Amino acid sequence: MKEIVLAAALVAAGTGFAVADNARDTIARKYGEAMALAELCTDLRFNSSRATVYLAAANIEFDDTFKAVATVSHNRTLTDLTGKNADDICLVGEALYGPNGTNGPGLLERK
């Protein structure tokens, strides 16, 4: 249920293509960031099942544009966090995308 509420909140800002694109880009950026955090923190993994639920609930396609936005966010996050303390990275990952995360609950889970 949390997935649907989060997805609805991401797209409820208005209607029209611009809002849909904005919601798609927002979710894609969150996915990219979460995937990078999982890559940098060996204790976490990206929860693709939860990610699929978010996309379906928001009626967003996993198309080339989504992938491009996610990739840019992923690479930017990797660049920003490379060389940082691994324990801190894991804490940030949990806080933002763990089960009770503020940016996307459940996108990351413990291995």
PDB file of N, CA and C in Angstrom:
ATOM      1  N   MET A   1       0.815  -1.182   0.000  1.00  0.00           N
ATOM      2  CA  MET A   1       0.000   0.000   0.000  1.00  0.00           C
ATOM      3  C   MET A   1       0.869   1.261   0.000  1.00  0.00           C
ATOM      4  N   LYS A   2       2.014   1.211   0.741  1.00  0.00           N
ATOM      5  CA  LYS A   2       2.910   2.360   0.765  1.00  0.00           C
ATOM      6  C   LYS A   2       3.394   2.703  -0.634  1.00  0.00           C
ATOM      7  N   GLU A   3       3.609   1.656  -1.468  1.00  0.00           N
ATOM      8  CA  GLU A   3       4.097   1.867  -2.827  1.00  0.00           C
ATOM      9  C   GLU A   3       3.110   2.703  -3.621  1.00  0.00           C
ATOM     10  N   ILE A   4       1.840   2.376  -3.501  1.00  0.00           N
ATOM     11  CA  ILE A   4       0.813   3.082  -4.260  1.00  0.00           C
ATOM     12  C   ILE A   4       0.694   4.515  -3.776  1.00  0.00           C
ATOM     13  N   VAL A   5       0.764   4.714  -2.472  1.00  0.00           N
ATOM     14  CA  VAL A   5       0.672   6.063  -1.917  1.00  0.00           C
ATOM     15  C   VAL A   5       1.854   6.903  -2.391  1.00  0.00           C
ATOM     16  N   LEU A   6       3.075   6.342  -2.352  1.00  0.00           N
ATOM     17  CA  LEU A   6       4.239   7.091  -2.807  1.00  0.00           C
ATOM     18  C   LEU A   6       4.125   7.410  -4.284  1.00  0.00           C
ATOM     19  N   ALA A   7       3.766   6.436  -5.091  1.00  0.00           N
ATOM     20  CA  ALA A   7       3.641   6.662  -6.531  1.00  0.00           C
ATOM     21  C   ALA A   7       2.565   7.706  -6.813  1.00  0.00           C
ATOM     22  N   ALA A   8       1.461   7.618  -6.107  1.00  0.00           N
ATOM     23  CA  ALA A   8       0.378   8.589  -6.305  1.00  0.00           C
ATOM     24  C   ALA A   8       0.837   9.993  -5.912  1.00  0.00           C
ATOM     25  N   ALA A   9       1.586  10.087  -4.834  1.00  0.00           N
ATOM     26  CA  ALA A   9       2.080  11.396  -4.400  1.00  0.00           C
ATOM     27  C   ALA A   9       3.033  11.991  -5.423  1.00  0.00           C
ATOM     28  N   LEU A  10       3.800  11.138  -6.066  1.00  0.00           N
ATOM     29  CA  LEU A  10       4.757  11.621  -7.055  1.00  0.00           C
ATOM     30  C   LEU A  10       4.069  12.156  -8.302  1.00  0.00           C
ATOM     31  N   VAL A  11       2.898  11.636  -8.627  1.00  0.00           N
ATOM     32  CA  VAL A  11       2.213  12.079  -9.842  1.00  0.00           C
ATOM     33  C   VAL A  11       1.012  12.979  -9.566  1.00  0.00           C
ATOM     34  N   ALA A  12       0.683  13.206  -8.310  1.00  0.00           N
ATOM     35  CA  ALA A  12      -0.513  13.974  -7.972  1.00  0.00           C
ATOM     36  C   ALA A  12      -0.306  15.483  -8.022  1.00  0.00           C
ATOM     37  N   ALA A  13       0.857  15.922  -8.382  1.00  0.00           N
ATOM     38  CA  ALA A  13       1.143  17.363  -8.400  1.00  0.00           C
ATOM     39  C   ALA A  13       0.324  18.100  -9.449  1.00  0.00           C
ATOM     40  N   GLY A  14      -0.277  17.402 -10.392  1.00  0.00           N
ATOM     41  CA  GLY A  14      -1.070  18.039 -11.435  1.00  0.00           C
ATOM     42  C   GLY A  14      -1.339  17.058 -12.553  1.00  0.00           C
ATOM     43  N   THR A  15      -1.774  17.575 -13.692  1.00  0.00           N
ATOM     44  CA  THR A  15      -2.063  16.714 -14.813  1.00  0.00           C
ATOM     45  C   THR A  15      -1.324  17.197 -16.039  1.00  0.00           C
ATOM     46  N   GLY A  16      -1.340  16.380 -17.103  1.00  0.00           N
ATOM     47  CA  GLY A  16      -0.720  16.762 -18.360  1.00  0.00           C
ATOM     48  C   GLY A  16       0.619  16.091 -18.560  1.00  0.00           C
ATOM     49  N   PHE A  17       1.130  16.252 -19.762  1.00  0.00           N
ATOM     50  CA  PHE A  17       2.370  15.579 -20.129  1.00  0.00           C
ATOM     51  C   PHE A  17       3.568  16.097 -19.340  1.00  0.00           C
ATOM     52  N   ALA A  18       3.623  17.396 -19.100  1.00  0.00           N
ATOM     53  CA  ALA A  18       4.763  17.956 -18.372  1.00  0.00           C
ATOM     54  C   ALA A  18       4.845  17.361 -16.970  1.00  0.00           C
ATOM     55  N   VAL A  19       3.714  17.220 -16.326  1.00  0.00           N
ATOM     56  CA  VAL A  19       3.705  16.638 -14.986  1.00  0.00           C
ATOM     57  C   VAL A  19       4.076  15.170 -15.052  1.00  0.00           C
ATOM     58  N   ALA A  20       3.563  14.468 -16.042  1.00  0.00           N
ATOM     59  CA  ALA A  20       3.901  13.054 -16.194  1.00  0.00           C
ATOM     60  C   ALA A  20       5.399  12.896 -16.432  1.00  0.00           C
ATOM     61  N   ASP A  21       5.959  13.752 -17.288  1.00  0.00           N
ATOM     62  CA  ASP A  21       7.401  13.701 -17.530  1.00  0.00           C
ATOM     63  C   ASP A  21       8.173  14.013 -16.266  1.00  0.00           C
ATOM     64  N   ASN A  22       7.708  15.003 -15.511  1.00  0.00           N
ATOM     65  CA  ASN A  22       8.365  15.372 -14.270  1.00  0.00           C
ATOM     66  C   ASN A  22       8.314  14.220 -13.269  1.00  0.00           C
ATOM     67  N   ALA A  23       7.167  13.568 -13.145  1.00  0.00           N
ATOM     68  CA  ALA A  23       7.039  12.431 -12.233  1.00  0.00           C
ATOM     69  C   ALA A  23       7.945  11.295 -12.681  1.00  0.00           C
ATOM     70  N   ARG A  24       7.955  11.034 -13.989  1.00  0.00           N
ATOM     71  CA  ARG A  24       8.826   9.971 -14.525  1.00  0.00           C
ATOM     72  C   ARG A  24      10.275  10.277 -14.184  1.00  0.00           C
ATOM     73  N   ASP A  25      10.692  11.528 -14.420  1.00  0.00           N
ATOM     74  CA  ASP A  25      12.077  11.898 -14.167  1.00  0.00           C
ATOM     75  C   ASP A  25      12.416  11.830 -12.683  1.00  0.00           C
ATOM     76  N   THR A  26      11.490  12.246 -11.831  1.00  0.00           N
ATOM     77  CA  THR A  26      11.714  12.185 -10.390  1.00  0.00           C
ATOM     78  C   THR A  26      11.914  10.748  -9.935  1.00  0.00           C
ATOM     79  N   ILE A  27      11.049   9.863 -10.387  1.00  0.00           N
ATOM     80  CA  ILE A  27      11.172   8.457 -10.008  1.00  0.00           C
ATOM     81  C   ILE A  27      12.450   7.859 -10.590  1.00  0.00           C
ATOM     82  N   ALA A  28      12.776   8.190 -11.822  1.00  0.00           N
ATOM     83  CA  ALA A  28      13.999   7.677 -12.450  1.00  0.00           C
ATOM     84  C   ALA A  28      15.241   8.134 -11.686  1.00  0.00           C
ATOM     85  N   ARG A  29      15.252   9.397 -11.254  1.00  0.00           N
ATOM     86  CA  ARG A  29      16.393   9.892 -10.477  1.00  0.00           C
ATOM     87  C   ARG A  29      16.526   9.129  -9.165  1.00  0.00           C
ATOM     88  N   LYS A  30      15.410   8.862  -8.525  1.00  0.00           N
ATOM     89  CA  LYS A  30      15.442   8.107  -7.270  1.00  0.00           C
ATOM     90  C   LYS A  30      15.958   6.687  -7.510  1.00  0.00           C
ATOM     91  N   TYR A  31      15.520   6.060  -8.585  1.00  0.00           N
ATOM     92  CA  TYR A  31      15.997   4.713  -8.916  1.00  0.00           C
ATOM     93  C   TYR A  31      17.498   4.723  -9.149  1.00  0.00           C
ATOM     94  N   GLY A  32      17.980   5.698  -9.924  1.00  0.00           N
ATOM     95  CA  GLY A  32      19.409   5.787 -10.209  1.00  0.00           C
ATOM     96  C   GLY A  32      20.227   5.977  -8.953  1.00  0.00           C
ATOM     97  N   GLU A  33      19.746   6.866  -8.090  1.00  0.00           N
ATOM     98  CA  GLU A  33      20.447   7.118  -6.835  1.00  0.00           C
ATOM     99  C   GLU A  33      20.455   5.865  -5.957  1.00  0.00           C
ATOM    100  N   ALA A  34      19.319   5.212  -5.841  1.00  0.00           N
ATOM    101  CA  ALA A  34      19.229   4.003  -5.013  1.00  0.00           C
ATOM    102  C   ALA A  34      20.139   2.897  -5.563  1.00  0.00           C
ATOM    103  N   MET A  35      20.170   2.740  -6.879  1.00  0.00           N
ATOM    104  CA  MET A  35      21.041   1.712  -7.469  1.00  0.00           C
ATOM    105  C   MET A  35      22.515   2.014  -7.191  1.00  0.00           C
ATOM    106  N   ALA A  36      22.895   3.281  -7.251  1.00  0.00           N
ATOM    107  CA  ALA A  36      24.283   3.652  -6.964  1.00  0.00           C
ATOM    108  C   ALA A  36      24.616   3.393  -5.496  1.00  0.00           C
ATOM    109  N   LEU A  37      23.708   3.739  -4.605  1.00  0.00           N
ATOM    110  CA  LEU A  37      23.941   3.490  -3.182  1.00  0.00           C
ATOM    111  C   LEU A  37      24.101   1.996  -2.916  1.00  0.00           C
ATOM    112  N   ALA A  38      23.303   1.180  -3.587  1.00  0.00           N
ATOM    113  CA  ALA A  38      23.426  -0.275  -3.434  1.00  0.00           C
ATOM    114  C   ALA A  38      24.765  -0.771  -3.975  1.00  0.00           C
ATOM    115  N   GLU A  39      25.231  -0.147  -5.017  1.00  0.00           N
ATOM    116  CA  GLU A  39      26.516  -0.524  -5.600  1.00  0.00           C
ATOM    117  C   GLU A  39      27.671  -0.178  -4.656  1.00  0.00           C
ATOM    118  N   LEU A  40      27.537   0.921  -3.943  1.00  0.00           N
ATOM    119  CA  LEU A  40      28.595   1.378  -3.046  1.00  0.00           C
ATOM    120  C   LEU A  40      28.522   0.761  -1.657  1.00  0.00           C
ATOM    121  N   CYS A  41      27.372   0.261  -1.263  1.00  0.00           N
ATOM    122  CA  CYS A  41      27.183  -0.350   0.061  1.00  0.00           C
ATOM    123  C   CYS A  41      26.951  -1.843  -0.122  1.00  0.00           C
ATOM    124  N   THR A  42      27.902  -2.634   0.295  1.00  0.00           N
ATOM    125  CA  THR A  42      27.805  -4.076   0.089  1.00  0.00           C
ATOM    126  C   THR A  42      26.720  -4.737   0.939  1.00  0.00           C
ATOM    127  N   ASP A  43      26.182  -4.008   1.915  1.00  0.00           N
ATOM    128  CA  ASP A  43      25.128  -4.570   2.768  1.00  0.00           C
ATOM    129  C   ASP A  43      23.729  -4.390   2.182  1.00  0.00           C
ATOM    130  N   LEU A  44      23.601  -3.579   1.132  1.00  0.00           N
ATOM    131  CA  LEU A  44      22.293  -3.275   0.558  1.00  0.00           C
ATOM    132  C   LEU A  44      22.197  -3.770  -0.879  1.00  0.00           C
ATOM    133  N   ARG A  45      20.957  -4.045  -1.291  1.00  0.00           N
ATOM    134  CA  ARG A  45      20.710  -4.379  -2.696  1.00  0.00           C
ATOM    135  C   ARG A  45      19.444  -3.670  -3.149  1.00  0.00           C
ATOM    136  N   PHE A  46      19.398  -3.397  -4.447  1.00  0.00           N
ATOM    137  CA  PHE A  46      18.248  -2.742  -5.053  1.00  0.00           C
ATOM    138  C   PHE A  46      17.104  -3.737  -5.129  1.00  0.00           C
ATOM    139  N   ASN A  47      15.921  -3.325  -4.708  1.00  0.00           N
ATOM    140  CA  ASN A  47      14.745  -4.186  -4.701  1.00  0.00           C
ATOM    141  C   ASN A  47      13.957  -3.953  -5.986  1.00  0.00           C
ATOM    142  N   SER A  48      14.251  -4.734  -7.008  1.00  0.00           N
ATOM    143  CA  SER A  48      13.612  -4.532  -8.310  1.00  0.00           C
ATOM    144  C   SER A  48      12.117  -4.844  -8.267  1.00  0.00           C
ATOM    145  N   SER A  49      11.693  -5.702  -7.382  1.00  0.00           N
ATOM    146  CA  SER A  49      10.256  -5.987  -7.252  1.00  0.00           C
ATOM    147  C   SER A  49       9.509  -4.757  -6.773  1.00  0.00           C
ATOM    148  N   ARG A  50      10.048  -4.083  -5.776  1.00  0.00           N
ATOM    149  CA  ARG A  50       9.428  -2.859  -5.262  1.00  0.00           C
ATOM    150  C   ARG A  50       9.443  -1.781  -6.335  1.00  0.00           C
ATOM    151  N   ALA A  51      10.551  -1.695  -7.059  1.00  0.00           N
ATOM    152  CA  ALA A  51      10.667  -0.703  -8.124  1.00  0.00           C
ATOM    153  C   ALA A  51       9.598  -0.921  -9.190  1.00  0.00           C
ATOM    154  N   THR A  52       9.342  -2.166  -9.536  1.00  0.00           N
ATOM    155  CA  THR A  52       8.321  -2.493 -10.532  1.00  0.00           C
ATOM    156  C   THR A  52       6.939  -2.076 -10.053  1.00  0.00           C
ATOM    157  N   VAL A  53       6.660  -2.281  -8.776  1.00  0.00           N
ATOM    158  CA  VAL A  53       5.373  -1.882  -8.206  1.00  0.00           C
ATOM    159  C   VAL A  53       5.204  -0.370  -8.292  1.00  0.00           C
ATOM    160  N   TYR A  54       6.264   0.380  -7.959  1.00  0.00           N
ATOM    161  CA  TYR A  54       6.189   1.840  -8.044  1.00  0.00           C
ATOM    162  C   TYR A  54       5.882   2.294  -9.464  1.00  0.00           C
ATOM    163  N   LEU A  55       6.565   1.721 -10.439  1.00  0.00           N
ATOM    164  CA  LEU A  55       6.341   2.102 -11.834  1.00  0.00           C
ATOM    165  C   LEU A  55       4.914   1.790 -12.264  1.00  0.00           C
ATOM    166  N   ALA A  56       4.438   0.610 -11.912  1.00  0.00           N
ATOM    167  CA  ALA A  56       3.081   0.220 -12.298  1.00  0.00           C
ATOM    168  C   ALA A  56       2.043   1.120 -11.630  1.00  0.00           C
ATOM    169  N   ALA A  57       2.243   1.412 -10.363  1.00  0.00           N
ATOM    170  CA  ALA A  57       1.277   2.242  -9.636  1.00  0.00           C
ATOM    171  C   ALA A  57       1.221   3.662 -10.197  1.00  0.00           C
ATOM    172  N   ALA A  58       2.347   4.154 -10.704  1.00  0.00           N
ATOM    173  CA  ALA A  58       2.395   5.504 -11.256  1.00  0.00           C
ATOM    174  C   ALA A  58       2.137   5.500 -12.764  1.00  0.00           C
ATOM    175  N   ASN A  59       1.914   4.326 -13.321  1.00  0.00           N
ATOM    176  CA  ASN A  59       1.669   4.182 -14.758  1.00  0.00           C
ATOM    177  C   ASN A  59       2.806   4.796 -15.580  1.00  0.00           C
ATOM    178  N   ILE A  60       4.032   4.460 -15.200  1.00  0.00           N
ATOM    179  CA  ILE A  60       5.227   4.966 -15.871  1.00  0.00           C
ATOM    180  C   ILE A  60       5.918   3.809 -16.570  1.00  0.00           C
ATOM    181  N   GLU A  61       6.291   4.049 -17.814  1.00  0.00           N
ATOM    182  CA  GLU A  61       6.968   3.017 -18.604  1.00  0.00           C
ATOM    183  C   GLU A  61       8.469   3.054 -18.345  1.00  0.00           C
ATOM    184  N   PHE A  62       9.050   1.884 -18.331  1.00  0.00           N
ATOM    185  CA  PHE A  62      10.504   1.749 -18.203  1.00  0.00           C
ATOM    186  C   PHE A  62      11.094   1.819 -19.613  1.00  0.00           C
ATOM    187  N   ASP A  63      11.060   3.029 -20.179  1.00  0.00           N
ATOM    188  CA  ASP A  63      11.478   3.225 -21.566  1.00  0.00           C
ATOM    189  C   ASP A  63      12.888   3.815 -21.617  1.00  0.00           C
ATOM    190  N   ASP A  64      13.337   4.148 -22.824  1.00  0.00           N
ATOM    191  CA  ASP A  64      14.689   4.670 -22.992  1.00  0.00           C
ATOM    192  C   ASP A  64      14.905   5.976 -22.237  1.00  0.00           C
ATOM    193  N   THR A  65      13.899   6.834 -22.196  1.00  0.00           N
ATOM    194  CA  THR A  65      14.033   8.099 -21.473  1.00  0.00           C
ATOM    195  C   THR A  65      14.181   7.848 -19.984  1.00  0.00           C
ATOM    196  N   PHE A  66      13.376   6.960 -19.443  1.00  0.00           N
ATOM    197  CA  PHE A  66      13.477   6.608 -18.025  1.00  0.00           C
ATOM    198  C   PHE A  66      14.881   6.082 -17.724  1.00  0.00           C
ATOM    199  N   LYS A  67      15.354   5.163 -18.571  1.00  0.00           N
ATOM    200  CA  LYS A  67      16.683   4.577 -18.370  1.00  0.00           C
ATOM    201  C   LYS A  67      17.777   5.641 -18.434  1.00  0.00           C
ATOM    202  N   ALA A  68      17.644   6.591 -19.360  1.00  0.00           N
ATOM    203  CA  ALA A  68      18.658   7.640 -19.500  1.00  0.00           C
ATOM    204  C   ALA A  68      18.714   8.521 -18.258  1.00  0.00           C
ATOM    205  N   VAL A  69      17.557   8.922 -17.750  1.00  0.00           N
ATOM    206  CA  VAL A  69      17.512   9.763 -16.547  1.00  0.00           C
ATOM    207  C   VAL A  69      18.067   8.996 -15.345  1.00  0.00           C
ATOM    208  N   ALA A  70      17.704   7.734 -15.219  1.00  0.00           N
ATOM    209  CA  ALA A  70      18.202   6.902 -14.120  1.00  0.00           C
ATOM    210  C   ALA A  70      19.720   6.739 -14.205  1.00  0.00           C
ATOM    211  N   THR A  71      20.221   6.561 -15.415  1.00  0.00           N
ATOM    212  CA  THR A  71      21.661   6.379 -15.609  1.00  0.00           C
ATOM    213  C   THR A  71      22.437   7.630 -15.228  1.00  0.00           C
ATOM    214  N   VAL A  72      21.938   8.792 -15.624  1.00  0.00           N
ATOM    215  CA  VAL A  72      22.606  10.052 -15.253  1.00  0.00           C
ATOM    216  C   VAL A  72      22.632  10.201 -13.731  1.00  0.00           C
ATOM    217  N   SER A  73      21.516   9.934 -13.080  1.00  0.00           N
ATOM    218  CA  SER A  73      21.448  10.031 -11.622  1.00  0.00           C
ATOM    219  C   SER A  73      22.390   9.022 -10.968  1.00  0.00           C
ATOM    220  N   HIS A  74      22.408   7.815 -11.480  1.00  0.00           N
ATOM    221  CA  HIS A  74      23.286   6.758 -10.972  1.00  0.00           C
ATOM    222  C   HIS A  74      24.745   7.200 -11.054  1.00  0.00           C
ATOM    223  N   ASN A  75      25.151   7.655 -12.227  1.00  0.00           N
ATOM    224  CA  ASN A  75      26.542   8.057 -12.427  1.00  0.00           C
ATOM    225  C   ASN A  75      26.914   9.271 -11.579  1.00  0.00           C
ATOM    226  N   ARG A  76      26.001  10.224 -11.458  1.00  0.00           N
ATOM    227  CA  ARG A  76      26.257  11.408 -10.636  1.00  0.00           C
ATOM    228  C   ARG A  76      26.431  11.006  -9.171  1.00  0.00           C
ATOM    229  N   THR A  77      25.586  10.110  -8.696  1.00  0.00           N
ATOM    230  CA  THR A  77      25.681   9.661  -7.303  1.00  0.00           C
ATOM    231  C   THR A  77      26.992   8.925  -7.071  1.00  0.00           C
ATOM    232  N   LEU A  78      27.371   8.053  -8.014  1.00  0.00           N
ATOM    233  CA  LEU A  78      28.652   7.351  -7.877  1.00  0.00           C
ATOM    234  C   LEU A  78      29.810   8.340  -7.806  1.00  0.00           C
ATOM    235  N   THR A  79      29.785   9.338  -8.673  1.00  0.00           N
ATOM    236  CA  THR A  79      30.847  10.349  -8.690  1.00  0.00           C
ATOM    237  C   THR A  79      30.877  11.123  -7.378  1.00  0.00           C
ATOM    238  N   ASP A  80      29.722  11.522  -6.894  1.00  0.00           N
ATOM    239  CA  ASP A  80      29.643  12.314  -5.666  1.00  0.00           C
ATOM    240  C   ASP A  80      30.106  11.535  -4.434  1.00  0.00           C
ATOM    241  N   LEU A  81      29.876  10.227  -4.428  1.00  0.00           N
ATOM    242  CA  LEU A  81      30.142   9.444  -3.216  1.00  0.00           C
ATOM    243  C   LEU A  81      31.414   8.601  -3.267  1.00  0.00           C
ATOM    244  N   THR A  82      32.064   8.553  -4.399  1.00  0.00           N
ATOM    245  CA  THR A  82      33.290   7.770  -4.492  1.00  0.00           C
ATOM    246  C   THR A  82      34.328   8.313  -3.517  1.00  0.00           C
ATOM    247  N   GLY A  83      34.891   7.401  -2.722  1.00  0.00           N
ATOM    248  CA  GLY A  83      35.884   7.784  -1.731  1.00  0.00           C
ATOM    249  C   GLY A  83      35.312   8.141  -0.376  1.00  0.00           C
ATOM    250  N   LYS A  84      34.005   8.199  -0.269  1.00  0.00           N
ATOM    251  CA  LYS A  84      33.366   8.511   1.018  1.00  0.00           C
ATOM    252  C   LYS A  84      33.343   7.257   1.888  1.00  0.00           C
ATOM    253  N   ASN A  85      33.126   7.450   3.159  1.00  0.00           N
ATOM    254  CA  ASN A  85      33.076   6.358   4.124  1.00  0.00           C
ATOM    255  C   ASN A  85      31.933   5.397   3.802  1.00  0.00           C
ATOM    256  N   ALA A  86      32.258   4.118   3.658  1.00  0.00           N
ATOM    257  CA  ALA A  86      31.268   3.104   3.274  1.00  0.00           C
ATOM    258  C   ALA A  86      30.139   2.992   4.300  1.00  0.00           C
ATOM    259  N   ASP A  87      30.462   3.095   5.580  1.00  0.00           N
ATOM    260  CA  ASP A  87      29.419   3.009   6.609  1.00  0.00           C
ATOM    261  C   ASP A  87      28.433   4.167   6.488  1.00  0.00           C
ATOM    262  N   ASP A  88      28.954   5.349   6.186  1.00  0.00           N
ATOM    263  CA  ASP A  88      28.082   6.511   6.005  1.00  0.00           C
ATOM    264  C   ASP A  88      27.186   6.338   4.780  1.00  0.00           C
ATOM    265  N   ILE A  89      27.751   5.793   3.723  1.00  0.00           N
ATOM    266  CA  ILE A  89      26.971   5.552   2.510  1.00  0.00           C
ATOM    267  C   ILE A  89      25.826   4.579   2.804  1.00  0.00           C
ATOM    268  N   CYS A  90      26.114   3.548   3.566  1.00  0.00           N
ATOM    269  CA  CYS A  90      25.075   2.575   3.929  1.00  0.00           C
ATOM    270  C   CYS A  90      23.980   3.231   4.774  1.00  0.00           C
ATOM    271  N   LEU A  91      24.384   4.093   5.702  1.00  0.00           N
ATOM    272  CA  LEU A  91      23.399   4.800   6.530  1.00  0.00           C
ATOM    273  C   LEU A  91      22.506   5.695   5.679  1.00  0.00           C
ATOM    274  N   VAL A  92      23.100   6.391   4.723  1.00  0.00           N
ATOM    275  CA  VAL A  92      22.321   7.247   3.829  1.00  0.00           C
ATOM    276  C   VAL A  92      21.370   6.395   2.993  1.00  0.00           C
ATOM    277  N   GLY A  93      21.864   5.274   2.476  1.00  0.00           N
ATOM    278  CA  GLY A  93      21.016   4.378   1.692  1.00  0.00           C
ATOM    279  C   GLY A  93      19.813   3.898   2.481  1.00  0.00           C
ATOM    280  N   GLU A  94      20.043   3.487   3.715  1.00  0.00           N
ATOM    281  CA  GLU A  94      18.950   3.028   4.585  1.00  0.00           C
ATOM    282  C   GLU A  94      17.966   4.150   4.867  1.00  0.00           C
ATOM    283  N   ALA A  95      18.491   5.339   5.163  1.00  0.00           N
ATOM    284  CA  ALA A  95      17.625   6.468   5.513  1.00  0.00           C
ATOM    285  C   ALA A  95      16.757   6.913   4.336  1.00  0.00           C
ATOM    286  N   LEU A  96      17.311   6.888   3.146  1.00  0.00           N
ATOM    287  CA  LEU A  96      16.570   7.363   1.976  1.00  0.00           C
ATOM    288  C   LEU A  96      15.715   6.289   1.320  1.00  0.00           C
ATOM    289  N   TYR A  97      16.224   5.063   1.247  1.00  0.00           N
ATOM    290  CA  TYR A  97      15.560   4.036   0.442  1.00  0.00           C
ATOM    291  C   TYR A  97      15.361   2.698   1.156  1.00  0.00           C
ATOM    292  N   GLY A  98      15.652   2.642   2.446  1.00  0.00           N
ATOM    293  CA  GLY A  98      15.413   1.425   3.215  1.00  0.00           C
ATOM    294  C   GLY A  98      13.919   1.224   3.449  1.00  0.00           C
ATOM    295  N   PRO A  99      13.560   0.266   4.268  1.00  0.00           N
ATOM    296  CA  PRO A  99      12.141  -0.044   4.507  1.00  0.00           C
ATOM    297  C   PRO A  99      11.298   1.155   4.932  1.00  0.00           C
ATOM    298  N   ASN A 100      11.895   2.070   5.677  1.00  0.00           N
ATOM    299  CA  ASN A 100      11.191   3.277   6.119  1.00  0.00           C
ATOM    300  C   ASN A 100      11.812   4.531   5.516  1.00  0.00           C
ATOM    301  N   GLY A 101      12.415   4.384   4.367  1.00  0.00           N
ATOM    302  CA  GLY A 101      13.139   5.476   3.736  1.00  0.00           C
ATOM    303  C   GLY A 101      12.262   6.666   3.391  1.00  0.00           C
ATOM    304  N   THR A 102      12.882   7.824   3.350  1.00  0.00           N
ATOM    305  CA  THR A 102      12.147   9.054   3.081  1.00  0.00           C
ATOM    306  C   THR A 102      11.981   9.340   1.591  1.00  0.00           C
ATOM    307  N   ASN A 103      12.815   8.764   0.735  1.00  0.00           N
ATOM    308  CA  ASN A 103      12.737   9.042  -0.704  1.00  0.00           C
ATOM    309  C   ASN A 103      12.056   7.951  -1.522  1.00  0.00           C
ATOM    310  N   GLY A 104      12.077   6.743  -1.026  1.00  0.00           N
ATOM    311  CA  GLY A 104      11.477   5.629  -1.760  1.00  0.00           C
ATOM    312  C   GLY A 104      11.522   4.396  -0.886  1.00  0.00           C
ATOM    313  N   PRO A 105      10.593   4.293   0.043  1.00  0.00           N
ATOM    314  CA  PRO A 105      10.623   3.176   0.993  1.00  0.00           C
ATOM    315  C   PRO A 105      10.694   1.823   0.297  1.00  0.00           C
ATOM    316  N   GLY A 106      11.687   1.042   0.691  1.00  0.00           N
ATOM    317  CA  GLY A 106      11.804  -0.321   0.202  1.00  0.00           C
ATOM    318  C   GLY A 106      12.577  -0.490  -1.089  1.00  0.00           C
ATOM    319  N   LEU A 107      13.070   0.607  -1.693  1.00  0.00           N
ATOM    320  CA  LEU A 107      13.864   0.446  -2.916  1.00  0.00           C
ATOM    321  C   LEU A 107      15.188  -0.241  -2.626  1.00  0.00           C
ATOM    322  N   LEU A 108      15.671  -0.113  -1.394  1.00  0.00           N
ATOM    323  CA  LEU A 108      16.863  -0.840  -0.973  1.00  0.00           C
ATOM    324  C   LEU A 108      16.493  -1.758   0.174  1.00  0.00           C
ATOM    325  N   GLU A 109      17.124  -2.916   0.180  1.00  0.00           N
ATOM    326  CA  GLU A 109      16.913  -3.869   1.259  1.00  0.00           C
ATOM    327  C   GLU A 109      18.255  -4.475   1.661  1.00  0.00           C
ATOM    328  N   ARG A 110      18.310  -4.953   2.869  1.00  0.00           N
ATOM    329  CA  ARG A 110      19.542  -5.611   3.349  1.00  0.00           C
ATOM    330  C   ARG A 110      19.715  -6.947   2.625  1.00  0.00           C
ATOM    331  N   LYS A 111      20.978  -7.268   2.367  1.00  0.00           N
ATOM    332  CA  LYS A 111      21.292  -8.555   1.719  1.00  0.00           C
ATOM    333  C   LYS A 111      21.158  -9.672   2.704  1.00  0.00           C
TER     334      LYS A 111
END
